[in-house]
Amino acid sequence: MKIGIQAWGSEGDIRPLVAIGHGLVQRGHEVELVYTDIANRHYDAVAASLGMTARAVATPVIADETELYEIGLAAITTRNALL
């Protein structure tokens, strides 16, 4: 069976899903992990070593720390988030 796993977050969010994918591969399934790592880590090599594929999407989420700061500042100072 072909199984897709989607993950988003930090290494602590993604690594457990890599382990689940590996378990599924060991049971004969074809697994692809699609992930967004907020710290721009890549799991392609570890996934390949475990017999599955991995593909990063939208990684890094925000590459520029200045831009991240500006977004956060705008979020906390906006009076009406719907505008």
Protein backbone atom coordinates (compact mmCIF):
# COMPACT_ATOMS: atom_id res chain seq x y z
CA MET A 1 0.00 0.00 0.00
CA LYS A 2 1.20 3.53 -0.73
CA ILE A 3 1.11 5.71 2.37
CA GLY A 4 1.73 9.44 2.62
CA ILE A 5 2.65 11.12 5.89
CA GLN A 6 2.48 14.89 6.32
CA ALA A 7 4.39 16.65 9.08
CA TRP A 8 4.97 20.23 10.15
CA GLY A 9 7.02 21.59 13.02
CA SER A 10 10.32 21.05 14.75
CA GLU A 11 12.53 17.98 14.83
CA GLY A 12 10.55 16.72 17.82
CA ASP A 13 7.39 16.84 15.72
CA ILE A 14 8.83 15.24 12.60
CA ARG A 15 11.19 12.52 13.90
CA PRO A 16 8.39 10.40 15.44
CA LEU A 17 6.65 10.36 12.06
CA VAL A 18 9.91 9.24 10.43
CA ALA A 19 9.91 6.33 12.91
CA ILE A 20 6.29 5.48 12.09
CA GLY A 21 7.14 5.58 8.39
CA HIS A 22 10.04 3.22 8.97
CA GLY A 23 7.76 0.78 10.78
CA LEU A 24 5.34 0.88 7.86
CA VAL A 25 8.18 0.24 5.39
CA GLN A 26 9.24 -2.78 7.45
CA ARG A 27 5.71 -4.12 7.00
CA GLY A 28 5.94 -3.82 3.23
CA HIS A 29 4.35 -0.44 2.56
CA GLU A 30 5.67 2.29 0.25
CA VAL A 31 5.97 5.48 2.33
CA GLU A 32 6.56 9.12 1.43
CA LEU A 33 7.00 11.78 4.10
CA VAL A 34 6.18 15.36 3.10
CA TYR A 35 7.28 17.84 5.74
CA THR A 36 7.87 21.46 6.64
CA ASP A 37 10.60 21.90 9.24
CA ILE A 38 10.53 25.27 10.97
CA ALA A 39 14.31 25.18 11.49
CA ASN A 40 15.12 24.17 7.89
CA ARG A 41 16.37 20.67 8.77
CA HIS A 42 16.27 18.06 6.03
CA TYR A 43 15.29 14.42 6.42
CA ASP A 44 15.85 13.13 2.87
CA ALA A 45 19.00 11.13 3.71
CA VAL A 46 17.66 9.54 6.89
CA ALA A 47 14.40 8.65 5.15
CA ALA A 48 16.27 7.04 2.26
CA SER A 49 18.38 5.02 4.69
CA LEU A 50 15.13 3.72 6.20
CA GLY A 51 13.65 2.75 2.83
CA MET A 52 11.22 5.63 2.33
CA THR A 53 11.23 8.96 0.55
CA ALA A 54 10.98 12.41 2.09
CA ARG A 55 10.29 15.76 0.50
CA ALA A 56 10.57 19.19 2.10
CA VAL A 57 7.87 21.71 1.23
CA ALA A 58 7.77 25.39 2.28
CA THR A 59 11.02 24.96 4.21
CA PRO A 60 12.18 27.21 5.76
CA VAL A 61 8.89 28.77 6.76
CA ILE A 62 10.47 32.23 7.10
CA ALA A 63 14.17 32.34 6.28
CA ASP A 64 14.90 35.92 7.31
CA GLU A 65 14.86 36.56 11.07
CA THR A 66 14.15 40.27 10.51
CA GLU A 67 11.07 39.38 8.48
CA LEU A 68 9.97 36.97 11.20
CA TYR A 69 10.31 39.74 13.79
CA GLU A 70 8.28 42.15 11.65
CA ILE A 71 5.50 39.58 11.17
CA GLY A 72 5.38 38.92 14.91
CA LEU A 73 5.32 42.63 15.69
CA ALA A 74 2.48 43.19 13.22
CA ALA A 75 0.53 40.28 14.74
CA ILE A 76 0.71 41.62 18.28
CA THR A 77 -0.04 45.23 17.37
CA THR A 78 -2.96 44.64 15.01
CA ARG A 79 -6.22 45.85 16.53
CA ASN A 80 -8.51 43.99 14.15
CA ALA A 81 -6.99 40.82 12.75
CA LEU A 82 -9.71 40.61 10.10
CA LEU A 83 -8.61 43.84 8.38
